[in-house]
C-alpha atoms as a PDB file:
ATOM      1  CA  MET A   1      91.779-135.690-119.679  1.00  0.00           C
ATOM      2  CA  ASN A   2      89.889-138.778-120.540  1.00  0.00           C
ATOM      3  CA  ARG A   3      88.620-141.072-117.462  1.00  0.00           C
ATOM      4  CA  ALA A   4      89.967-144.263-116.858  1.00  0.00           C
ATOM      5  CA  SER A   5      87.929-147.330-117.785  1.00  0.00           C
ATOM      6  CA  LEU A   6      86.517-149.632-114.897  1.00  0.00           C
ATOM      7  CA  SER A   7      85.645-153.180-114.746  1.00  0.00           C
ATOM      8  CA  VAL A   8      84.012-154.951-111.718  1.00  0.00           C
ATOM      9  CA  VAL A   9      84.444-158.812-111.282  1.00  0.00           C
ATOM     10  CA  VAL A  10      82.011-160.657-109.057  1.00  0.00           C
ATOM     11  CA  PRO A  11      82.898-164.439-108.648  1.00  0.00           C
ATOM     12  CA  ALA A  12      79.979-166.244-107.602  1.00  0.00           C
ATOM     13  CA  TYR A  13      79.034-169.918-106.432  1.00  0.00           C
ATOM     14  CA  ASN A  14      75.712-170.974-105.271  1.00  0.00           C
ATOM     15  CA  GLU A  15      74.631-167.412-104.241  1.00  0.00           C
ATOM     16  CA  GLU A  16      71.057-166.943-105.411  1.00  0.00           C
ATOM     17  CA  ASN A  17      70.130-165.366-101.888  1.00  0.00           C
ATOM     18  CA  TYR A  18      72.869-162.499-102.386  1.00  0.00           C
ATOM     19  CA  ILE A  19      73.603-161.903-105.960  1.00  0.00           C
ATOM     20  CA  GLY A  20      70.675-159.917-107.019  1.00  0.00           C
ATOM     21  CA  GLU A  21      71.183-157.558-104.208  1.00  0.00           C
ATOM     22  CA  CYS A  22      74.585-157.144-105.235  1.00  0.00           C
ATOM     23  CA  LEU A  23      74.260-156.466-108.691  1.00  0.00           C
ATOM     24  CA  ALA A  24      71.544-154.015-107.882  1.00  0.00           C
ATOM     25  CA  THR A  25      73.907-152.029-105.893  1.00  0.00           C
ATOM     26  CA  LEU A  26      76.547-152.284-108.866  1.00  0.00           C
ATOM     27  CA  ALA A  27      73.512-151.245-111.431  1.00  0.00           C
ATOM     28  CA  ARG A  28      73.162-148.189-109.306  1.00  0.00           C
ATOM     29  CA  ASN A  29      76.898-147.224-109.857  1.00  0.00           C
ATOM     30  CA  ARG A  30      76.724-147.964-113.514  1.00  0.00           C
ATOM     31  CA  GLU A  31      77.604-144.128-114.407  1.00  0.00           C
ATOM     32  CA  TRP A  32      81.135-144.917-113.133  1.00  0.00           C
ATOM     33  CA  ILE A  33      81.298-148.494-114.442  1.00  0.00           C
ATOM     34  CA  ASP A  34      82.179-149.679-117.804  1.00  0.00           C
ATOM     35  CA  GLU A  35      81.357-153.308-117.309  1.00  0.00           C
ATOM     36  CA  VAL A  36      80.491-155.749-114.742  1.00  0.00           C
ATOM     37  CA  VAL A  37      81.849-159.543-115.140  1.00  0.00           C
ATOM     38  CA  VAL A  38      79.897-162.020-112.976  1.00  0.00           C
ATOM     39  CA  VAL A  39      81.778-165.412-113.278  1.00  0.00           C
ATOM     40  CA  ASP A  40      79.591-168.270-112.216  1.00  0.00           C
ATOM     41  CA  ASN A  41      81.574-171.203-110.770  1.00  0.00           C
ATOM     42  CA  ASN A  42      79.530-174.236-111.411  1.00  0.00           C
ATOM     43  CA  SER A  43      76.632-172.914-109.618  1.00  0.00           C
ATOM     44  CA  THR A  44      74.008-175.523-108.872  1.00  0.00           C
ATOM     45  CA  ASP A  45      71.045-172.816-107.700  1.00  0.00           C
ATOM     46  CA  ARG A  46      69.459-169.935-109.490  1.00  0.00           C
ATOM     47  CA  THR A  47      72.721-167.634-109.275  1.00  0.00           C
ATOM     48  CA  ARG A  48      73.490-167.769-113.010  1.00  0.00           C
ATOM     49  CA  ASP A  49      69.742-167.052-114.037  1.00  0.00           C
ATOM     50  CA  ILE A  50      69.647-164.102-111.581  1.00  0.00           C
ATOM     51  CA  ALA A  51      72.785-162.729-113.122  1.00  0.00           C
ATOM     52  CA  MET A  52      71.606-163.155-116.588  1.00  0.00           C
ATOM     53  CA  ARG A  53      68.654-161.065-115.763  1.00  0.00           C
ATOM     54  CA  PHE A  54      70.940-158.129-115.225  1.00  0.00           C
ATOM     55  CA  ALA A  55      72.948-159.055-118.399  1.00  0.00           C
ATOM     56  CA  ASP A  56      69.708-158.944-120.233  1.00  0.00           C
ATOM     57  CA  ARG A  57      68.511-155.651-119.048  1.00  0.00           C
ATOM     58  CA  PHE A  58      72.030-153.824-118.667  1.00  0.00           C
ATOM     59  CA  ASP A  59      74.416-153.929-121.779  1.00  0.00           C
ATOM     60  CA  LYS A  60      77.283-153.477-119.237  1.00  0.00           C
ATOM     61  CA  PHE A  61      76.546-156.767-117.526  1.00  0.00           C
ATOM     62  CA  VAL A  62      77.992-159.783-118.835  1.00  0.00           C
ATOM     63  CA  VAL A  63      78.064-163.457-117.362  1.00  0.00           C
ATOM     64  CA  ILE A  64      80.867-166.032-117.892  1.00  0.00           C
ATOM     65  CA  ASP A  65      81.376-169.357-116.773  1.00  0.00           C
ATOM     66  CA  GLU A  66      84.489-170.826-115.108  1.00  0.00           C
ATOM     67  CA  PRO A  67      84.358-174.459-114.849  1.00  0.00           C
ATOM     68  CA  VAL A  68      87.370-174.977-112.602  1.00  0.00           C
ATOM     69  CA  ALA A  69      86.384-174.833-108.867  1.00  0.00           C
ATOM     70  CA  GLY A  70      87.973-172.111-106.657  1.00  0.00           C
ATOM     71  CA  VAL A  71      87.393-168.513-106.168  1.00  0.00           C
ATOM     72  CA  VAL A  72      91.225-167.732-107.504  1.00  0.00           C
ATOM     73  CA  HIS A  73      90.140-169.598-110.983  1.00  0.00           C
ATOM     74  CA  ALA A  74      86.876-167.604-110.986  1.00  0.00           C
ATOM     75  CA  ARG A  75      88.714-164.212-110.377  1.00  0.00           C
ATOM     76  CA  ASN A  76      91.523-164.931-112.756  1.00  0.00           C
ATOM     77  CA  ALA A  77      88.801-165.874-115.439  1.00  0.00           C
ATOM     78  CA  GLY A  78      86.777-162.685-114.760  1.00  0.00           C
ATOM     79  CA  PHE A  79      90.173-160.736-114.642  1.00  0.00           C
ATOM     80  CA  ALA A  80      91.080-162.132-118.137  1.00  0.00           C
ATOM     81  CA  THR A  81      87.444-161.321-119.524  1.00  0.00           C
ATOM     82  CA  SER A  82      87.551-157.783-118.416  1.00  0.00           C
ATOM     83  CA  THR A  83      88.659-155.004-120.568  1.00  0.00           C
ATOM     84  CA  SER A  84      89.229-152.010-118.528  1.00  0.00           C
ATOM     85  CA  ASP A  85      92.131-150.056-117.129  1.00  0.00           C
ATOM     86  CA  ILE A  86      91.275-150.768-113.745  1.00  0.00           C
ATOM     87  CA  ILE A  87      89.644-154.143-112.437  1.00  0.00           C
ATOM     88  CA  ALA A  88      87.658-153.991-109.239  1.00  0.00           C
ATOM     89  CA  ARG A  89      86.513-156.978-107.450  1.00  0.00           C
ATOM     90  CA  VAL A  90      83.764-157.606-104.939  1.00  0.00           C
ATOM     91  CA  ASP A  91      82.126-160.913-103.408  1.00  0.00           C
ATOM     92  CA  ALA A  92      78.551-161.872-104.363  1.00  0.00           C
ATOM     93  CA  ASP A  93      77.232-160.862-100.934  1.00  0.00           C
ATOM     94  CA  THR A  94      78.854-157.415-101.249  1.00  0.00           C
ATOM     95  CA  LEU A  95      76.439-154.130-101.232  1.00  0.00           C
ATOM     96  CA  VAL A  96      78.542-151.322-102.605  1.00  0.00           C
ATOM     97  CA  GLY A  97      77.726-147.820-101.655  1.00  0.00           C
ATOM     98  CA  GLU A  98      75.999-145.324-103.933  1.00  0.00           C
ATOM     99  CA  SER A  99      79.285-143.657-104.535  1.00  0.00           C
ATOM    100  CA  TRP A 100      81.678-146.626-104.472  1.00  0.00           C
ATOM    101  CA  ALA A 101      82.585-146.765-108.129  1.00  0.00           C
ATOM    102  CA  ARG A 102      83.198-142.998-108.204  1.00  0.00           C
ATOM    103  CA  ALA A 103      85.441-143.078-105.176  1.00  0.00           C
ATOM    104  CA  ILE A 104      87.777-145.987-107.245  1.00  0.00           C
ATOM    105  CA  HIS A 105      88.098-143.169-110.129  1.00  0.00           C
ATOM    106  CA  GLU A 106      88.842-140.474-107.624  1.00  0.00           C
ATOM    107  CA  PHE A 107      91.421-142.333-105.754  1.00  0.00           C
ATOM    108  CA  PHE A 108      93.358-143.370-108.954  1.00  0.00           C
ATOM    109  CA  GLU A 109      93.135-139.639-110.433  1.00  0.00           C
ATOM    110  CA  ARG A 110      94.313-138.260-107.097  1.00  0.00           C
ATOM    111  CA  GLU A 111      96.878-140.925-105.893  1.00  0.00           C
ATOM    112  CA  PRO A 112      98.482-141.799-109.481  1.00  0.00           C
ATOM    113  CA  GLU A 113     101.639-143.288-107.401  1.00  0.00           C
ATOM    114  CA  TYR A 114      99.362-146.073-106.292  1.00  0.00           C
ATOM    115  CA  ASP A 115      98.479-149.188-108.132  1.00  0.00           C
ATOM    116  CA  ALA A 116      95.820-150.820-106.222  1.00  0.00           C
ATOM    117  CA  VAL A 117      93.318-149.969-103.754  1.00  0.00           C
ATOM    118  CA  THR A 118      91.027-151.455-101.034  1.00  0.00           C
ATOM    119  CA  GLY A 119      88.228-149.733 -99.458  1.00  0.00           C
ATOM    120  CA  VAL A 120      86.223-149.602 -95.999  1.00  0.00           C
ATOM    121  CA  SER A 121      83.890-152.752 -95.655  1.00  0.00           C
ATOM    122  CA  TYR A 122      81.278-152.787 -92.998  1.00  0.00           C
ATOM    123  CA  LEU A 123      79.252-155.928 -91.903  1.00  0.00           C
ATOM    124  CA  TYR A 124      75.778-156.470 -92.278  1.00  0.00           C
ATOM    125  CA  GLU A 125      73.963-159.881 -91.253  1.00  0.00           C
ATOM    126  CA  SER A 126      75.961-159.699 -87.874  1.00  0.00           C
ATOM    127  CA  PRO A 127      75.013-159.292 -84.361  1.00  0.00           C
ATOM    128  CA  ALA A 128      78.379-157.585 -83.939  1.00  0.00           C
ATOM    129  CA  SER A 129      77.932-155.014 -86.889  1.00  0.00           C
ATOM    130  CA  GLY A 130      77.219-152.210 -84.921  1.00  0.00           C
ATOM    131  CA  LEU A 131      80.084-152.681 -82.420  1.00  0.00           C
ATOM    132  CA  LYS A 132      82.673-153.547 -85.146  1.00  0.00           C
ATOM    133  CA  ARG A 133      81.613-150.384 -87.164  1.00  0.00           C
ATOM    134  CA  LYS A 134      82.031-148.198 -84.001  1.00  0.00           C
ATOM    135  CA  ILE A 135      85.642-149.820 -83.323  1.00  0.00           C
ATOM    136  CA  SER A 136      86.759-149.269 -86.795  1.00  0.00           C
ATOM    137  CA  ASP A 137      85.710-145.667 -87.003  1.00  0.00           C
ATOM    138  CA  GLY A 138      87.481-145.015 -84.055  1.00  0.00           C
ATOM    139  CA  VAL A 139      90.669-146.370 -84.641  1.00  0.00           C
ATOM    140  CA  SER A 140      90.560-145.199 -88.426  1.00  0.00           C
ATOM    141  CA  ARG A 141      89.403-141.666 -87.731  1.00  0.00           C
ATOM    142  CA  ARG A 142      92.888-140.014 -88.093  1.00  0.00           C
ATOM    143  CA  TRP A 143      93.752-141.378 -91.363  1.00  0.00           C
ATOM    144  CA  ARG A 144      90.129-141.242 -92.540  1.00  0.00           C
ATOM    145  CA  ALA A 145      90.302-137.473 -92.236  1.00  0.00           C
ATOM    146  CA  ARG A 146      93.347-137.359 -94.754  1.00  0.00           C
ATOM    147  CA  GLY A 147      91.114-139.786 -97.267  1.00  0.00           C
ATOM    148  CA  THR A 148      93.838-142.273 -98.303  1.00  0.00           C
ATOM    149  CA  ARG A 149      96.620-144.115 -96.326  1.00  0.00           C
ATOM    150  CA  PRO A 150      99.322-146.817 -97.556  1.00  0.00           C
ATOM    151  CA  VAL A 151      98.453-150.562 -96.719  1.00  0.00           C
ATOM    152  CA  VAL A 152     100.011-154.125 -97.159  1.00  0.00           C
ATOM    153  CA  MET A 153      96.780-155.860 -97.880  1.00  0.00           C
ATOM    154  CA  LEU A 154      93.601-155.899-100.230  1.00  0.00           C
ATOM    155  CA  SER A 155      90.462-157.359 -99.154  1.00  0.00           C
ATOM    156  CA  GLY A 156      89.029-159.477-101.865  1.00  0.00           C
ATOM    157  CA  ALA A 157      85.491-158.056-101.109  1.00  0.00           C
ATOM    158  CA  ASN A 158      86.731-154.454-101.584  1.00  0.00           C
ATOM    159  CA  MET A 159      89.326-153.937-104.059  1.00  0.00           C
ATOM    160  CA  ALA A 160      90.692-152.482-107.541  1.00  0.00           C
ATOM    161  CA  VAL A 161      94.040-152.655-109.221  1.00  0.00           C
ATOM    162  CA  ARG A 162      95.252-151.269-112.325  1.00  0.00           C
ATOM    163  CA  ARG A 163      95.324-153.524-115.230  1.00  0.00           C
ATOM    164  CA  ARG A 164      99.107-153.165-115.852  1.00  0.00           C
ATOM    165  CA  ALA A 165      99.846-154.079-112.331  1.00  0.00           C
ATOM    166  CA  TRP A 166      97.731-157.161-112.609  1.00  0.00           C
ATOM    167  CA  LEU A 167      99.333-158.226-115.797  1.00  0.00           C
ATOM    168  CA  ALA A 168     102.864-157.945-114.270  1.00  0.00           C
ATOM    169  CA  VAL A 169     102.100-160.313-111.303  1.00  0.00           C
ATOM    170  CA  HIS A 170      99.331-162.414-112.304  1.00  0.00           C
ATOM    171  CA  ASP A 171     101.739-165.533-113.560  1.00  0.00           C
ATOM    172  CA  SER A 172     103.319-165.401-109.924  1.00  0.00           C
ATOM    173  CA  THR A 173     100.173-165.741-108.144  1.00  0.00           C
ATOM    174  CA  ASP A 174      98.973-169.114-106.862  1.00  0.00           C
ATOM    175  CA  THR A 175      96.364-170.890-107.883  1.00  0.00           C
ATOM    176  CA  SER A 176      96.244-173.498-104.856  1.00  0.00           C
ATOM    177  CA  LYS A 177      92.922-173.994-103.037  1.00  0.00           C
ATOM    178  CA  ASP A 178      94.709-173.862 -99.668  1.00  0.00           C
ATOM    179  CA  VAL A 179      95.712-170.358 -99.765  1.00  0.00           C
ATOM    180  CA  HIS A 180      93.875-166.953 -99.494  1.00  0.00           C
ATOM    181  CA  GLU A 181      93.749-165.220-102.930  1.00  0.00           C
ATOM    182  CA  ASP A 182      93.678-161.973-101.945  1.00  0.00           C
ATOM    183  CA  VAL A 183      96.192-162.055 -99.486  1.00  0.00           C
ATOM    184  CA  ASP A 184      98.355-163.722-102.062  1.00  0.00           C
ATOM    185  CA  LEU A 185      97.824-161.035-104.872  1.00  0.00           C
ATOM    186  CA  SER A 186      98.677-158.489-102.278  1.00  0.00           C
ATOM    187  CA  LEU A 187     101.829-160.139-101.437  1.00  0.00           C
ATOM    188  CA  CYS A 188     102.624-160.588-105.145  1.00  0.00           C
ATOM    189  CA  LEU A 189     101.949-156.958-105.833  1.00  0.00           C
ATOM    190  CA  LEU A 190     104.316-155.784-102.993  1.00  0.00           C
ATOM    191  CA  LYS A 191     106.969-158.114-103.970  1.00  0.00           C
ATOM    192  CA  GLY A 192     106.635-156.638-107.506  1.00  0.00           C
ATOM    193  CA  GLY A 193     107.045-153.004-106.214  1.00  0.00           C
ATOM    194  CA  PHE A 194     103.657-152.097-106.431  1.00  0.00           C
ATOM    195  CA  ARG A 195     102.092-149.628-103.831  1.00  0.00           C
ATOM    196  CA  LEU A 196      98.849-150.557-102.393  1.00  0.00           C
ATOM    197  CA  GLY A 197      96.402-148.023-100.730  1.00  0.00           C
ATOM    198  CA  GLN A 198      92.998-147.570 -98.887  1.00  0.00           C
ATOM    199  CA  SER A 199      90.352-145.157 -99.618  1.00  0.00           C
ATOM    200  CA  ALA A 200      88.053-143.796 -96.949  1.00  0.00           C
ATOM    201  CA  HIS A 201      85.469-143.135 -99.694  1.00  0.00           C
ATOM    202  CA  MET A 202      85.337-146.588-100.865  1.00  0.00           C
ATOM    203  CA  CYS A 203      82.679-147.947 -98.513  1.00  0.00           C
ATOM    204  CA  LEU A 204      80.330-151.054 -98.804  1.00  0.00           C
ATOM    205  CA  LEU A 205      78.834-153.673 -96.943  1.00  0.00           C
ATOM    206  CA  VAL A 206      79.721-157.442 -96.681  1.00  0.00           C
ATOM    207  CA  SER A 207      77.964-160.078 -94.993  1.00  0.00           C
ATOM    208  CA  GLY A 208      78.951-161.214 -91.482  1.00  0.00           C
ATOM    209  CA  ARG A 209      77.813-164.777 -92.050  1.00  0.00           C
ATOM    210  CA  ARG A 210      81.082-166.257 -92.178  1.00  0.00           C
ATOM    211  CA  GLY A 211      80.833-165.445 -88.177  1.00  0.00           C
ATOM    212  CA  ASN A 212      78.684-168.310 -87.922  1.00  0.00           C
ATOM    213  CA  SER A 213      81.241-170.929 -88.946  1.00  0.00           C
ATOM    214  CA  SER A 214      82.391-173.744 -86.811  1.00  0.00           C
ATOM    215  CA  VAL A 215      85.365-173.571 -84.747  1.00  0.00           C
ATOM    216  CA  LYS A 216      86.844-176.411 -86.935  1.00  0.00           C
ATOM    217  CA  ASP A 217      86.207-174.334 -90.114  1.00  0.00           C
ATOM    218  CA  TYR A 218      87.361-171.458 -88.937  1.00  0.00           C
ATOM    219  CA  LEU A 219      90.631-172.611 -87.671  1.00  0.00           C
ATOM    220  CA  GLN A 220      91.142-174.028 -91.076  1.00  0.00           C
ATOM    221  CA  TYR A 221      90.423-170.743 -92.452  1.00  0.00           C
ATOM    222  CA  THR A 222      92.916-168.909 -90.306  1.00  0.00           C
ATOM    223  CA  GLN A 223      95.412-171.521 -91.122  1.00  0.00           C
ATOM    224  CA  ALA A 224      95.205-170.604 -94.749  1.00  0.00           C
ATOM    225  CA  THR A 225      95.914-167.100 -93.648  1.00  0.00           C
ATOM    226  CA  LYS A 226      99.173-168.338 -92.259  1.00  0.00           C
ATOM    227  CA  ARG A 227     100.028-170.745 -94.952  1.00  0.00           C
ATOM    228  CA  THR A 228      99.828-168.016 -97.582  1.00  0.00           C
ATOM    229  CA  PHE A 229     102.257-165.549 -95.668  1.00  0.00           C
ATOM    230  CA  LEU A 230     104.698-168.842 -95.236  1.00  0.00           C
ATOM    231  CA  ARG A 231     104.532-169.407 -99.059  1.00  0.00           C
ATOM    232  CA  HIS A 232     105.940-165.897 -99.368  1.00  0.00           C
ATOM    233  CA  GLY A 233     108.371-166.232 -96.984  1.00  0.00           C
ATOM    234  CA  TYR A 234     106.871-164.332 -93.960  1.00  0.00           C
ATOM    235  CA  ASP A 235     106.603-165.693 -90.623  1.00  0.00           C
ATOM    236  CA  TYR A 236     107.119-164.001 -87.392  1.00  0.00           C
ATOM    237  CA  LEU A 237     105.543-163.978 -83.856  1.00  0.00           C
ATOM    238  CA  GLY A 238     103.336-160.890 -84.539  1.00  0.00           C
ATOM    239  CA  LEU A 239     101.446-162.478 -87.224  1.00  0.00           C
ATOM    240  CA  ARG A 240     101.011-166.082 -85.202  1.00  0.00           C
ATOM    241  CA  LEU A 241      99.868-164.189 -82.351  1.00  0.00           C
ATOM    242  CA  LEU A 242      97.180-162.119 -84.606  1.00  0.00           C
ATOM    243  CA  LEU A 243      95.819-165.249 -85.911  1.00  0.00           C
ATOM    244  CA  VAL A 244      95.407-166.721 -82.158  1.00  0.00           C
ATOM    245  CA  ALA A 245      93.615-163.667 -81.350  1.00  0.00           C
ATOM    246  CA  ASN A 246      91.396-163.784 -84.517  1.00  0.00           C
ATOM    247  CA  ILE A 247      90.509-167.210 -83.331  1.00  0.00           C
ATOM    248  CA  LEU A 248      89.593-166.309 -79.822  1.00  0.00           C
ATOM    249  CA  VAL A 249      87.253-163.559 -81.024  1.00  0.00           C
ATOM    250  CA  HIS A 250      85.456-165.779 -83.262  1.00  0.00           C
ATOM    251  CA  VAL A 251      84.834-168.231 -80.429  1.00  0.00           C
ATOM    252  CA  GLY A 252      83.740-165.325 -78.209  1.00  0.00           C
ATOM    253  CA  PHE A 253      81.263-164.288 -80.846  1.00  0.00           C
ATOM    254  CA  LEU A 254      80.020-167.451 -82.204  1.00  0.00           C
ATOM    255  CA  PRO A 255      77.049-168.069 -79.666  1.00  0.00           C
ATOM    256  CA  LEU A 256      75.936-164.574 -80.455  1.00  0.00           C
ATOM    257  CA  TYR A 257      76.216-165.359 -84.104  1.00  0.00           C
ATOM    258  CA  ARG A 258      74.202-168.636 -83.572  1.00  0.00           C
ATOM    259  CA  ALA A 259      71.698-166.981 -81.669  1.00  0.00           C
ATOM    260  CA  HIS A 260      71.381-164.126 -84.352  1.00  0.00           C
ATOM    261  CA  ALA A 261      71.115-166.755 -87.245  1.00  0.00           C
ATOM    262  CA  TYR A 262      68.237-168.835 -85.137  1.00  0.00           C
ATOM    263  CA  VAL A 263      66.164-165.519 -84.837  1.00  0.00           C
ATOM    264  CA  SER A 264      66.618-165.269 -88.641  1.00  0.00           C
ATOM    265  CA  ARG A 265      65.454-168.479 -89.369  1.00  0.00           C
ATOM    266  CA  SER A 266      62.252-168.196 -86.874  1.00  0.00           C
ATOM    267  CA  GLN A 267      61.594-164.983 -88.981  1.00  0.00           C
ATOM    268  CA  GLY A 268      61.845-166.657 -92.342  1.00  0.00           C
ATOM    269  CA  HIS A 269      65.229-165.461 -93.537  1.00  0.00           C
ATOM    270  CA  ARG A 270      66.830-168.591 -94.782  1.00  0.00           C
ATOM    271  CA  LYS A 271      70.043-167.240 -96.604  1.00  0.00           C
ATOM    272  CA  ARG A 272      72.769-169.656 -97.296  1.00  0.00           C
ATOM    273  CA  SER A 273      75.567-169.927 -94.849  1.00  0.00           C
ATOM    274  CA  ARG A 274      79.134-168.282 -96.131  1.00  0.00           C
ATOM    275  CA  ALA A 275      81.345-171.120 -97.385  1.00  0.00           C
ATOM    276  CA  LEU A 276      84.815-170.794 -96.391  1.00  0.00           C
ATOM    277  CA  PRO A 277      87.229-170.183 -99.374  1.00  0.00           C
ATOM    278  CA  ILE A 278      89.593-172.845 -98.702  1.00  0.00           C
ATOM    279  CA  GLY A 279      90.088-176.516 -98.151  1.00  0.00           C
ATOM    280  CA  GLU A 280      88.117-179.376 -99.730  1.00  0.00           C
ATOM    281  CA  ARG A 281      84.886-176.964 -99.840  1.00  0.00           C
ATOM    282  CA  HIS A 282      83.801-175.430-102.790  1.00  0.00           C
ATOM    283  CA  PRO A 283      86.012-171.966-102.347  1.00  0.00           C
ATOM    284  CA  ILE A 284      83.993-169.491-103.526  1.00  0.00           C
ATOM    285  CA  SER A 285      82.896-166.579-101.077  1.00  0.00           C
END
């Protein structure tokens, strides 16, 4: 049986400090990847130049431009450019594991009834990365022993979808800047009757720099989550309580993040903070 083809889309805006490491990890997966589409969304730094180095070196890498600002527009441009049976997406600050792409193939071959998959994401650049990993591994131990479970939400930093499922719902997805595009896509897929799963073997690292966001910015971020659910007709007490808890956790950890960022700066690590993908700011990663 012929193996399904796999494209990976990487939206990027002013990610010169991260994009090289991200693409290097994808290059190490290229035995299992048919193409990597980097979407430069009006970067003003060296993001595009760094991505072009990979395109010049590897035939499977391509760099395109999306002039309309917004992660959803960059994602859509990348998905439209991709040519594979399966379309994966990661953030520009993502570091995929050595077997990440293979895990995507194995999931869809083993679970033909599923139409999209998300993986397991751990944090780096976070003072709480060890604690969060321990908690995550503890609460997920039972389902991870099985390798797969059904879910209702995909993470934009670690996901893949069958092309036929994407084509069936892309006209109904929201292109507004004040919603979360991955939450919106997940809900559109569910409404379309498609099944979403999670793979225990589709592992990667994603920067925890969003934890350094101000309370005001993070509140705006969580409000976008609520707004996305409301646009799909979902509003219930559990969701509201979960969002409040999320904000309280952020407030509790913020002093640790600020101290961690200060130490990083004092040691010469001056990576760009993560812009929140909503509101009037440039909404990429």
